[in-house]
Amino acid sequence: MATPEPTSLPPTKGRSGAKDVARLAGVSTATVSRVLNRSQQVDPATRERVLEAAAKLRYVPHGAARTLRSHRSKMVGAIVPSFDYALYARTTSALQQRLDERGYALVLAEHHYELAAETRIAGQLVEHGVDAFVLVGLDHEQRLFSLLQDYGRPYVLTWGVDGAQRHPSIGFDNRAATLAVTRHLVGLGHRRIGLLSAPPEGNDRARARGEGLRAGLAEAGLTLDPRHIAYAPISLAAAEAAMQQLLAAPERPTAVVATNDVFAVGAMIACRKTGVRIPQDLSITGVDNTDLGATQTPGLTSVATPITEIGRAAADQLVARLEGLPCETFQAFPVELVHRGSTAPPPSE
């Protein structure tokens, strides 16, 4: 039997409704609802007719009315430390795409590494009906967890693994990332290894990556010289300035572990400007294995981290929890050291 075509456009007054879409597409209002809620229980031909009818009528479901009926807005909030850090953008892009596939929208906010601001923003988003939350890292105020629990809002921590499993989390072992590069540098013969990092206060990723370096040094009977530590905001300019401090330090390090690729590339820029050769005079490593580091000359030795996988997994977990489906609430992805030309044995002295 031939597939019926949408009938002629009916006259409407004011805003079109689901009944108008159903009449135009030749289906029931229940079918319209299933299509617009991204249900998989509708055949493709029917789905296409409904979407075509909705487009002709410029029909958009009334979000407020739907929220009142279902007690859900189908909005997920992601509160990230900073919009400036490109990797958070890549994670939230993957998050948004997966949520959109499931019929959910993403609301994005930043807290500028201020945990009190994060709690305040979360409260505002709860007031506006946001259903669930994606948070970055393991450091958060207890007030935030109490707020989300009191209002029954599911949440997931990302970019880290909660070893105690107190809170649902999706991420990777940040300590293991820098432990791997430190072992690599020690294996090349380096004994004076410096650290270039974001400030550790309120930033568990920075703390864990610093701990990984210290653990790798301790394995070899070495320690991290306080004169060989530099903290800076995450930007190329700030990293370059911080690296200048390390280059001017007494008995400067022969290698530097940067806790992300932005820091590492900023350090490489500082070396070029001061005539320090990489890797002949000084080795540099990063974390996250971004195109920024891979396309340097020499290419940056770095640790590949699951940037997009985290976003997709966070979306899958929250949608499953909102819809009462089974899911993994604790996921740890592996990391992998990627060897390039920015590391070599230390210069002979």
Foldseek 3Di string as FASTA:
>chain_A
DDQDAFDPQDDDDPADDLVSLCNRLVHDSVVLVCLLQLHPPDDPVSSVSSVVSCVVRVHDPDQVVVCVVVVASLEEEEEAADPVDVLLVLLQVLLQVLSVNRNHHYDYHYDNLDQVSVQVVVVVVVVVHHAEYEYEDDQHDPSSVVVCVVSVHAYEYEQDFDPVPPHQYAHAQLLVFLLVVLLVQVVQPWQAEAEEFADCVSPVSRVSNVNSNQVNNVVVVHGHDPQRYFHFPQALCRLLVRLVSQVPGVVRGQEYEYAAVSSQVSNVVNCVVVVQDFNAAHAYAHEQPDPSQCPDVFRHWYKHTDSHVRSNLRNVVSVCVVVVHDDRRGYYDYMGTDDTRRHHRHHDD
